[in-house]
Amino acid sequence: MTDTKDSEKKREEIRVVDRRTFTPEGEKRVPDLPPEDHSSHAPLGPSPREAAVRPRKAPDATTSAPASREEQFAAAQFKNLILNLAHTAAASLRDVANHPGEQIGLYLESARQMIDILASLRHKTRGNLNAEEAGLLDELLADLQMECVNVEAKAAKKS
């Protein structure tokens, strides 16, 4: 008996709501709202008259996705650049462990240089990246800096 009550409850919880403001023909329509939202419904956007009067704001680069194909391509290239620099730094840090001896300083310097470049990119692009790009850059930089400190500490102990 509890199985039928649970299945009825699950059926009641699922509801598809069409919130589109225009029909496929381009005509304005009132979006569907869940029953609890009918009383407190606010308009989804400005009226055409308000939109014509208000100046348009530039999209916020930190929250909006790239709109044009060119912007999408630039975002992908930026991500590839960041990943490539991070991979180079990580490979240099791995080489420190794999090649003990005089070359440790060379590999550490290479890793530090890549980390410095990533830090410079983060500084110079602050406020111009979307959340995904900024998060990726911050995460990679933090991980590489921590790994660099760990490798330097291990190299100092061996010397």
N, C-alpha and C. Protein backbone atom coordinates (compact mmCIF):
# COMPACT_ATOMS: atom_id res chain seq x y z
N MET A 1 0.80 -1.19 0.00
CA MET A 1 0.00 0.00 0.00
C MET A 1 0.86 1.27 0.00
N THR A 2 1.98 1.20 0.66
CA THR A 2 2.85 2.36 0.67
C THR A 2 3.49 2.58 -0.70
N ASP A 3 3.62 1.50 -1.50
CA ASP A 3 4.20 1.65 -2.83
C ASP A 3 3.33 2.53 -3.71
N THR A 4 2.03 2.38 -3.66
CA THR A 4 1.15 3.21 -4.50
C THR A 4 1.16 4.66 -4.03
N LYS A 5 1.24 4.89 -2.72
CA LYS A 5 1.31 6.27 -2.22
C LYS A 5 2.61 6.93 -2.66
N ASP A 6 3.71 6.19 -2.60
CA ASP A 6 4.99 6.74 -3.02
C ASP A 6 5.00 7.04 -4.51
N SER A 7 4.43 6.14 -5.31
CA SER A 7 4.41 6.37 -6.75
C SER A 7 3.49 7.54 -7.10
N GLU A 8 2.37 7.70 -6.37
CA GLU A 8 1.50 8.85 -6.61
C GLU A 8 2.20 10.15 -6.23
N LYS A 9 2.95 10.11 -5.15
CA LYS A 9 3.67 11.30 -4.70
C LYS A 9 4.73 11.69 -5.74
N LYS A 10 5.43 10.69 -6.28
CA LYS A 10 6.45 10.97 -7.28
C LYS A 10 5.82 11.57 -8.54
N ARG A 11 4.66 11.07 -8.93
CA ARG A 11 3.99 11.60 -10.11
C ARG A 11 3.58 13.05 -9.92
N GLU A 12 3.18 13.40 -8.71
CA GLU A 12 2.75 14.77 -8.43
C GLU A 12 3.93 15.74 -8.45
N GLU A 13 5.12 15.29 -8.08
CA GLU A 13 6.28 16.17 -7.99
C GLU A 13 6.82 16.57 -9.36
N ILE A 14 6.61 15.76 -10.37
CA ILE A 14 7.14 16.04 -11.69
C ILE A 14 6.15 16.89 -12.46
N ARG A 15 6.63 18.05 -12.94
CA ARG A 15 5.78 18.93 -13.71
C ARG A 15 6.64 19.67 -14.72
N VAL A 16 6.19 19.70 -15.94
CA VAL A 16 6.88 20.41 -16.99
C VAL A 16 6.26 21.79 -17.11
N VAL A 17 7.08 22.83 -17.06
CA VAL A 17 6.60 24.20 -17.13
C VAL A 17 7.23 24.87 -18.34
N ASP A 18 6.41 25.39 -19.22
CA ASP A 18 6.88 26.09 -20.40
C ASP A 18 6.98 27.58 -20.06
N ARG A 19 8.19 28.10 -19.93
CA ARG A 19 8.39 29.49 -19.56
C ARG A 19 8.77 30.36 -20.75
N ARG A 20 8.62 29.84 -21.94
CA ARG A 20 8.93 30.64 -23.13
C ARG A 20 7.94 31.80 -23.24
N THR A 21 8.42 32.96 -23.65
CA THR A 21 7.55 34.14 -23.74
C THR A 21 7.01 34.35 -25.14
N PHE A 22 7.50 33.56 -26.12
CA PHE A 22 7.03 33.70 -27.49
C PHE A 22 6.64 32.34 -28.06
N THR A 23 5.67 32.34 -28.93
CA THR A 23 5.25 31.12 -29.61
C THR A 23 6.24 30.83 -30.73
N PRO A 24 6.18 29.64 -31.33
CA PRO A 24 7.07 29.35 -32.46
C PRO A 24 6.88 30.32 -33.63
N GLU A 25 5.70 30.93 -33.71
CA GLU A 25 5.45 31.90 -34.78
C GLU A 25 5.98 33.28 -34.43
N GLY A 26 6.48 33.47 -33.20
CA GLY A 26 7.03 34.76 -32.80
C GLY A 26 6.05 35.66 -32.08
N GLU A 27 4.87 35.16 -31.77
CA GLU A 27 3.88 35.97 -31.07
C GLU A 27 4.11 35.88 -29.57
N LYS A 28 3.81 36.97 -28.85
CA LYS A 28 3.97 37.02 -27.40
C LYS A 28 2.95 36.11 -26.74
N ARG A 29 3.38 35.38 -25.70
CA ARG A 29 2.48 34.52 -24.96
C ARG A 29 2.81 34.63 -23.47
N VAL A 30 1.87 34.24 -22.64
CA VAL A 30 2.08 34.23 -21.19
C VAL A 30 2.66 32.87 -20.84
N PRO A 31 3.82 32.86 -20.18
CA PRO A 31 4.44 31.57 -19.85
C PRO A 31 3.62 30.80 -18.83
N ASP A 32 3.75 29.46 -18.87
CA ASP A 32 3.13 28.60 -17.87
C ASP A 32 3.89 28.79 -16.56
N LEU A 33 3.18 28.80 -15.48
CA LEU A 33 3.80 28.90 -14.17
C LEU A 33 3.28 27.80 -13.26
N PRO A 34 4.10 27.33 -12.34
CA PRO A 34 3.59 26.39 -11.36
C PRO A 34 2.49 27.05 -10.53
N PRO A 35 1.55 26.28 -9.95
CA PRO A 35 0.43 26.87 -9.22
C PRO A 35 0.86 27.85 -8.13
N GLU A 36 1.94 27.58 -7.42
CA GLU A 36 2.35 28.46 -6.34
C GLU A 36 2.94 29.77 -6.85
N ASP A 37 3.34 29.84 -8.12
CA ASP A 37 3.95 31.05 -8.65
C ASP A 37 2.95 32.00 -9.30
N HIS A 38 1.70 31.61 -9.49
CA HIS A 38 0.74 32.45 -10.19
C HIS A 38 0.50 33.78 -9.49
N SER A 39 0.41 33.78 -8.17
CA SER A 39 0.08 35.01 -7.45
C SER A 39 1.23 35.99 -7.42
N SER A 40 2.46 35.53 -7.43
CA SER A 40 3.60 36.43 -7.30
C SER A 40 4.37 36.54 -8.62
N HIS A 41 3.68 36.44 -9.72
CA HIS A 41 4.36 36.47 -11.02
C HIS A 41 4.80 37.89 -11.36
N ALA A 42 6.07 38.04 -11.59
CA ALA A 42 6.61 39.32 -12.07
C ALA A 42 6.91 39.14 -13.55
N PRO A 43 6.84 40.21 -14.32
CA PRO A 43 7.14 40.07 -15.75
C PRO A 43 8.55 39.54 -15.96
N LEU A 44 8.73 38.74 -16.98
CA LEU A 44 10.02 38.13 -17.23
C LEU A 44 11.02 39.12 -17.80
N GLY A 45 10.62 40.17 -18.37
CA GLY A 45 11.53 41.15 -18.94
C GLY A 45 10.82 42.46 -19.14
N PRO A 46 11.53 43.49 -19.59
CA PRO A 46 10.88 44.78 -19.80
C PRO A 46 9.93 44.71 -20.99
N SER A 47 8.94 45.57 -20.95
CA SER A 47 8.02 45.64 -22.08
C SER A 47 8.79 46.21 -23.28
N PRO A 48 8.28 46.02 -24.49
CA PRO A 48 8.99 46.55 -25.66
C PRO A 48 9.22 48.06 -25.56
N ARG A 49 8.28 48.78 -24.96
CA ARG A 49 8.43 50.23 -24.82
C ARG A 49 9.58 50.55 -23.85
N GLU A 50 9.64 49.82 -22.70
CA GLU A 50 10.72 50.04 -21.74
C GLU A 50 12.07 49.66 -22.34
N ALA A 51 12.10 48.60 -23.12
CA ALA A 51 13.36 48.16 -23.71
C ALA A 51 13.89 49.20 -24.70
N ALA A 52 12.99 49.89 -25.39
CA ALA A 52 13.42 50.90 -26.35
C ALA A 52 13.97 52.13 -25.64
N VAL A 53 13.45 52.44 -24.45
CA VAL A 53 13.87 53.63 -23.72
C VAL A 53 15.16 53.39 -22.95
N ARG A 54 15.31 52.22 -22.34
CA ARG A 54 16.48 51.91 -21.53
C ARG A 54 17.71 51.69 -22.40
N PRO A 55 18.85 52.23 -21.96
CA PRO A 55 20.09 51.91 -22.69
C PRO A 55 20.50 50.49 -22.39
N ARG A 56 21.09 49.84 -23.35
CA ARG A 56 21.53 48.47 -23.16
C ARG A 56 22.87 48.45 -22.44
N LYS A 57 23.00 47.51 -21.52
CA LYS A 57 24.26 47.34 -20.81
C LYS A 57 25.09 46.29 -21.54
N ALA A 58 26.40 46.44 -21.44
CA ALA A 58 27.28 45.43 -21.99
C ALA A 58 27.15 44.18 -21.13
N PRO A 59 27.18 42.99 -21.73
CA PRO A 59 27.07 41.78 -20.93
C PRO A 59 28.25 41.64 -19.98
N ASP A 60 27.98 41.11 -18.80
CA ASP A 60 29.01 40.91 -17.80
C ASP A 60 29.85 39.71 -18.23
N ALA A 61 31.15 39.94 -18.39
CA ALA A 61 32.04 38.90 -18.89
C ALA A 61 32.22 37.75 -17.91
N THR A 62 31.95 38.00 -16.63
CA THR A 62 32.16 36.93 -15.65
C THR A 62 30.98 35.99 -15.56
N THR A 63 29.80 36.38 -16.04
CA THR A 63 28.64 35.51 -15.89
C THR A 63 28.07 35.01 -17.21
N SER A 64 28.27 35.73 -18.29
CA SER A 64 27.63 35.33 -19.54
C SER A 64 28.57 34.47 -20.37
N ALA A 65 27.98 33.56 -21.12
CA ALA A 65 28.75 32.70 -22.00
C ALA A 65 29.09 33.48 -23.27
N PRO A 66 30.17 33.12 -23.93
CA PRO A 66 30.50 33.81 -25.16
C PRO A 66 29.37 33.69 -26.16
N ALA A 67 29.02 34.81 -26.79
CA ALA A 67 27.86 34.83 -27.67
C ALA A 67 28.22 34.45 -29.10
N SER A 68 29.22 35.07 -29.65
CA SER A 68 29.51 34.83 -31.05
C SER A 68 30.47 33.66 -31.22
N ARG A 69 30.54 33.17 -32.42
CA ARG A 69 31.44 32.07 -32.74
C ARG A 69 32.89 32.47 -32.52
N GLU A 70 33.21 33.72 -32.83
CA GLU A 70 34.57 34.22 -32.63
C GLU A 70 34.93 34.24 -31.15
N GLU A 71 33.99 34.65 -30.30
CA GLU A 71 34.24 34.67 -28.86
C GLU A 71 34.38 33.26 -28.31
N GLN A 72 33.59 32.33 -28.83
CA GLN A 72 33.70 30.94 -28.40
C GLN A 72 35.07 30.38 -28.78
N PHE A 73 35.53 30.71 -29.98
CA PHE A 73 36.84 30.25 -30.43
C PHE A 73 37.94 30.84 -29.55
N ALA A 74 37.83 32.13 -29.24
CA ALA A 74 38.83 32.79 -28.38
C ALA A 74 38.83 32.18 -26.99
N ALA A 75 37.65 31.86 -26.46
CA ALA A 75 37.56 31.25 -25.14
C ALA A 75 38.22 29.87 -25.14
N ALA A 76 38.00 29.10 -26.20
CA ALA A 76 38.61 27.78 -26.29
C ALA A 76 40.13 27.89 -26.42
N GLN A 77 40.59 28.86 -27.20
CA GLN A 77 42.03 29.06 -27.36
C GLN A 77 42.68 29.51 -26.05
N PHE A 78 41.98 30.36 -25.30
CA PHE A 78 42.51 30.80 -24.01
C PHE A 78 42.62 29.62 -23.06
N LYS A 79 41.60 28.79 -23.04
CA LYS A 79 41.62 27.60 -22.18
C LYS A 79 42.77 26.69 -22.58
N ASN A 80 42.98 26.50 -23.87
CA ASN A 80 44.09 25.67 -24.34
C ASN A 80 45.44 26.26 -23.95
N LEU A 81 45.56 27.58 -24.03
CA LEU A 81 46.80 28.25 -23.63
C LEU A 81 47.10 27.99 -22.15
N ILE A 82 46.08 28.18 -21.32
CA ILE A 82 46.24 27.97 -19.88
C ILE A 82 46.64 26.53 -19.59
N LEU A 83 45.95 25.58 -20.21
CA LEU A 83 46.26 24.17 -19.98
C LEU A 83 47.65 23.80 -20.49
N ASN A 84 48.05 24.39 -21.62
CA ASN A 84 49.37 24.11 -22.18
C ASN A 84 50.48 24.63 -21.26
N LEU A 85 50.32 25.84 -20.75
CA LEU A 85 51.32 26.40 -19.83
C LEU A 85 51.38 25.57 -18.54
N ALA A 86 50.22 25.18 -18.04
CA ALA A 86 50.17 24.38 -16.82
C ALA A 86 50.81 23.01 -17.03
N HIS A 87 50.57 22.42 -18.20
CA HIS A 87 51.17 21.12 -18.50
C HIS A 87 52.69 21.24 -18.58
N THR A 88 53.18 22.31 -19.17
CA THR A 88 54.63 22.53 -19.27
C THR A 88 55.25 22.66 -17.87
N ALA A 89 54.58 23.41 -17.00
CA ALA A 89 55.08 23.57 -15.63
C ALA A 89 55.06 22.24 -14.90
N ALA A 90 53.99 21.48 -15.04
CA ALA A 90 53.88 20.19 -14.37
C ALA A 90 54.95 19.22 -14.89
N ALA A 91 55.22 19.24 -16.19
CA ALA A 91 56.24 18.36 -16.76
C ALA A 91 57.62 18.74 -16.22
N SER A 92 57.87 20.02 -16.07
CA SER A 92 59.16 20.45 -15.51
C SER A 92 59.30 19.99 -14.06
N LEU A 93 58.21 20.06 -13.31
CA LEU A 93 58.26 19.60 -11.92
C LEU A 93 58.48 18.09 -11.84
N ARG A 94 57.90 17.35 -12.76
CA ARG A 94 58.12 15.89 -12.80
C ARG A 94 59.57 15.59 -13.17
N ASP A 95 60.15 16.41 -14.05
CA ASP A 95 61.53 16.18 -14.47
C ASP A 95 62.51 16.36 -13.32
N VAL A 96 62.17 17.20 -12.34
CA VAL A 96 63.03 17.37 -11.17
C VAL A 96 63.18 16.03 -10.46
N ALA A 97 62.08 15.32 -10.30
CA ALA A 97 62.13 14.04 -9.61
C ALA A 97 62.81 12.96 -10.45
N ASN A 98 62.66 13.05 -11.76
CA ASN A 98 63.20 12.01 -12.64
C ASN A 98 64.67 12.21 -13.00
N HIS A 99 65.19 13.41 -12.85
CA HIS A 99 66.58 13.70 -13.22
C HIS A 99 67.32 14.35 -12.06
N PRO A 100 67.69 13.58 -11.08
CA PRO A 100 68.42 14.17 -9.95
C PRO A 100 69.80 14.64 -10.40
N GLY A 101 70.29 15.62 -9.71
CA GLY A 101 71.64 16.10 -10.03
C GLY A 101 71.63 17.57 -10.34
N GLU A 102 72.52 17.98 -11.23
CA GLU A 102 72.74 19.39 -11.53
C GLU A 102 71.57 20.04 -12.26
N GLN A 103 70.78 19.28 -12.98
CA GLN A 103 69.71 19.86 -13.79
C GLN A 103 68.47 20.24 -12.98
N ILE A 104 68.44 19.95 -11.70
CA ILE A 104 67.27 20.27 -10.87
C ILE A 104 66.96 21.76 -10.94
N GLY A 105 67.99 22.60 -10.82
CA GLY A 105 67.79 24.05 -10.88
C GLY A 105 67.17 24.49 -12.19
N LEU A 106 67.57 23.88 -13.29
CA LEU A 106 67.04 24.22 -14.61
C LEU A 106 65.55 23.88 -14.70
N TYR A 107 65.17 22.70 -14.23
CA TYR A 107 63.78 22.29 -14.28
C TYR A 107 62.91 23.12 -13.35
N LEU A 108 63.43 23.42 -12.15
CA LEU A 108 62.67 24.27 -11.23
C LEU A 108 62.48 25.67 -11.80
N GLU A 109 63.52 26.20 -12.42
CA GLU A 109 63.41 27.53 -13.01
C GLU A 109 62.39 27.55 -14.14
N SER A 110 62.36 26.50 -14.95
CA SER A 110 61.37 26.39 -16.02
C SER A 110 59.96 26.34 -15.45
N ALA A 111 59.77 25.54 -14.40
CA ALA A 111 58.45 25.44 -13.76
C ALA A 111 58.04 26.78 -13.17
N ARG A 112 58.97 27.45 -12.47
CA ARG A 112 58.66 28.76 -11.88
C ARG A 112 58.28 29.77 -12.96
N GLN A 113 58.97 29.72 -14.09
CA GLN A 113 58.67 30.66 -15.18
C GLN A 113 57.25 30.45 -15.70
N MET A 114 56.84 29.21 -15.89
CA MET A 114 55.49 28.93 -16.36
C MET A 114 54.45 29.37 -15.33
N ILE A 115 54.74 29.13 -14.06
CA ILE A 115 53.83 29.54 -12.99
C ILE A 115 53.72 31.06 -12.95
N ASP A 116 54.86 31.75 -13.14
CA ASP A 116 54.83 33.22 -13.17
C ASP A 116 54.02 33.74 -14.36
N ILE A 117 54.12 33.08 -15.49
CA ILE A 117 53.34 33.49 -16.66
C ILE A 117 51.85 33.31 -16.38
N LEU A 118 51.48 32.18 -15.78
CA LEU A 118 50.08 31.96 -15.43
C LEU A 118 49.59 33.00 -14.43
N ALA A 119 50.42 33.34 -13.45
CA ALA A 119 50.04 34.37 -12.47
C ALA A 119 49.87 35.73 -13.16
N SER A 120 50.73 36.04 -14.11
CA SER A 120 50.61 37.30 -14.86
C SER A 120 49.33 37.32 -15.68
N LEU A 121 49.02 36.21 -16.32
CA LEU A 121 47.77 36.13 -17.09
C LEU A 121 46.56 36.32 -16.18
N ARG A 122 46.60 35.72 -15.00
CA ARG A 122 45.49 35.88 -14.07
C ARG A 122 45.34 37.35 -13.67
N HIS A 123 46.47 37.99 -13.40
CA HIS A 123 46.43 39.40 -12.99
C HIS A 123 45.93 40.30 -14.11
N LYS A 124 46.42 40.09 -15.32
CA LYS A 124 46.08 40.96 -16.44
C LYS A 124 44.67 40.72 -16.99
N THR A 125 44.12 39.54 -16.76
CA THR A 125 42.79 39.24 -17.28
C THR A 125 41.71 39.30 -16.21
N ARG A 126 42.07 39.71 -15.00
CA ARG A 126 41.10 39.77 -13.90
C ARG A 126 39.92 40.65 -14.32
N GLY A 127 38.71 40.13 -14.16
CA GLY A 127 37.49 40.85 -14.52
C GLY A 127 37.06 40.64 -15.96
N ASN A 128 37.90 40.03 -16.78
CA ASN A 128 37.57 39.81 -18.18
C ASN A 128 37.29 38.35 -18.52
N LEU A 129 37.35 37.49 -17.53
CA LEU A 129 37.13 36.07 -17.76
C LEU A 129 35.77 35.65 -17.24
N ASN A 130 35.21 34.63 -17.87
CA ASN A 130 33.97 34.08 -17.31
C ASN A 130 34.33 33.21 -16.11
N ALA A 131 33.34 32.75 -15.39
CA ALA A 131 33.56 32.02 -14.15
C ALA A 131 34.36 30.74 -14.38
N GLU A 132 34.08 30.05 -15.48
CA GLU A 132 34.79 28.79 -15.77
C GLU A 132 36.27 29.05 -16.03
N GLU A 133 36.57 30.07 -16.84
CA GLU A 133 37.96 30.40 -17.15
C GLU A 133 38.72 30.84 -15.90
N ALA A 134 38.11 31.72 -15.11
CA ALA A 134 38.76 32.21 -13.90
C ALA A 134 38.98 31.07 -12.91
N GLY A 135 38.00 30.20 -12.76
CA GLY A 135 38.13 29.07 -11.85
C GLY A 135 39.23 28.11 -12.29
N LEU A 136 39.29 27.83 -13.58
CA LEU A 136 40.33 26.95 -14.10
C LEU A 136 41.70 27.53 -13.85
N LEU A 137 41.87 28.80 -14.16
CA LEU A 137 43.16 29.46 -13.98
C LEU A 137 43.56 29.48 -12.51
N ASP A 138 42.65 29.83 -11.63
CA ASP A 138 42.95 29.86 -10.20
C ASP A 138 43.32 28.48 -9.67
N GLU A 139 42.56 27.47 -10.08
CA GLU A 139 42.80 26.11 -9.60
C GLU A 139 44.15 25.57 -10.08
N LEU A 140 44.43 25.76 -11.36
CA LEU A 140 45.70 25.28 -11.90
C LEU A 140 46.88 25.99 -11.24
N LEU A 141 46.75 27.29 -11.07
CA LEU A 141 47.83 28.06 -10.48
C LEU A 141 48.08 27.64 -9.03
N ALA A 142 47.03 27.46 -8.27
CA ALA A 142 47.19 27.03 -6.87
C ALA A 142 47.82 25.65 -6.79
N ASP A 143 47.37 24.72 -7.63
CA ASP A 143 47.93 23.37 -7.61
C ASP A 143 49.41 23.38 -8.00
N LEU A 144 49.76 24.15 -9.03
CA LEU A 144 51.15 24.19 -9.48
C LEU A 144 52.06 24.86 -8.44
N GLN A 145 51.58 25.92 -7.83
CA GLN A 145 52.38 26.58 -6.80
C GLN A 145 52.63 25.64 -5.62
N MET A 146 51.62 24.92 -5.22
CA MET A 146 51.78 23.98 -4.11
C MET A 146 52.75 22.86 -4.49
N GLU A 147 52.62 22.34 -5.69
CA GLU A 147 53.52 21.28 -6.13
C GLU A 147 54.96 21.78 -6.24
N CYS A 148 55.12 23.02 -6.70
CA CYS A 148 56.46 23.60 -6.81
C CYS A 148 57.11 23.72 -5.43
N VAL A 149 56.35 24.16 -4.45
CA VAL A 149 56.88 24.26 -3.08
C VAL A 149 57.27 22.88 -2.57
N ASN A 150 56.43 21.88 -2.82
CA ASN A 150 56.73 20.52 -2.38
C ASN A 150 57.99 19.97 -3.03
N VAL A 151 58.14 20.18 -4.33
CA VAL A 151 59.31 19.68 -5.06
C VAL A 151 60.57 20.41 -4.59
N GLU A 152 60.48 21.72 -4.38
CA GLU A 152 61.64 22.48 -3.89
C GLU A 152 62.07 21.98 -2.51
N ALA A 153 61.10 21.67 -1.66
CA ALA A 153 61.41 21.16 -0.32
C ALA A 153 62.10 19.81 -0.41
N LYS A 154 61.61 18.93 -1.28
CA LYS A 154 62.24 17.62 -1.45
C LYS A 154 63.64 17.75 -2.02
N ALA A 155 63.82 18.67 -2.98
CA ALA A 155 65.13 18.88 -3.58
C ALA A 155 66.12 19.44 -2.55
N ALA A 156 65.63 20.31 -1.67
CA ALA A 156 66.50 20.88 -0.64
C ALA A 156 66.94 19.81 0.36
N LYS A 157 66.06 18.87 0.67
CA LYS A 157 66.41 17.80 1.60
C LYS A 157 67.46 16.86 1.01
N LYS A 158 67.40 16.63 -0.30
CA LYS A 158 68.35 15.73 -0.96
C LYS A 158 69.71 16.38 -1.08
N SER A 159 69.77 17.70 -1.14
CA SER A 159 71.06 18.39 -1.32
C SER A 159 71.88 18.43 -0.07
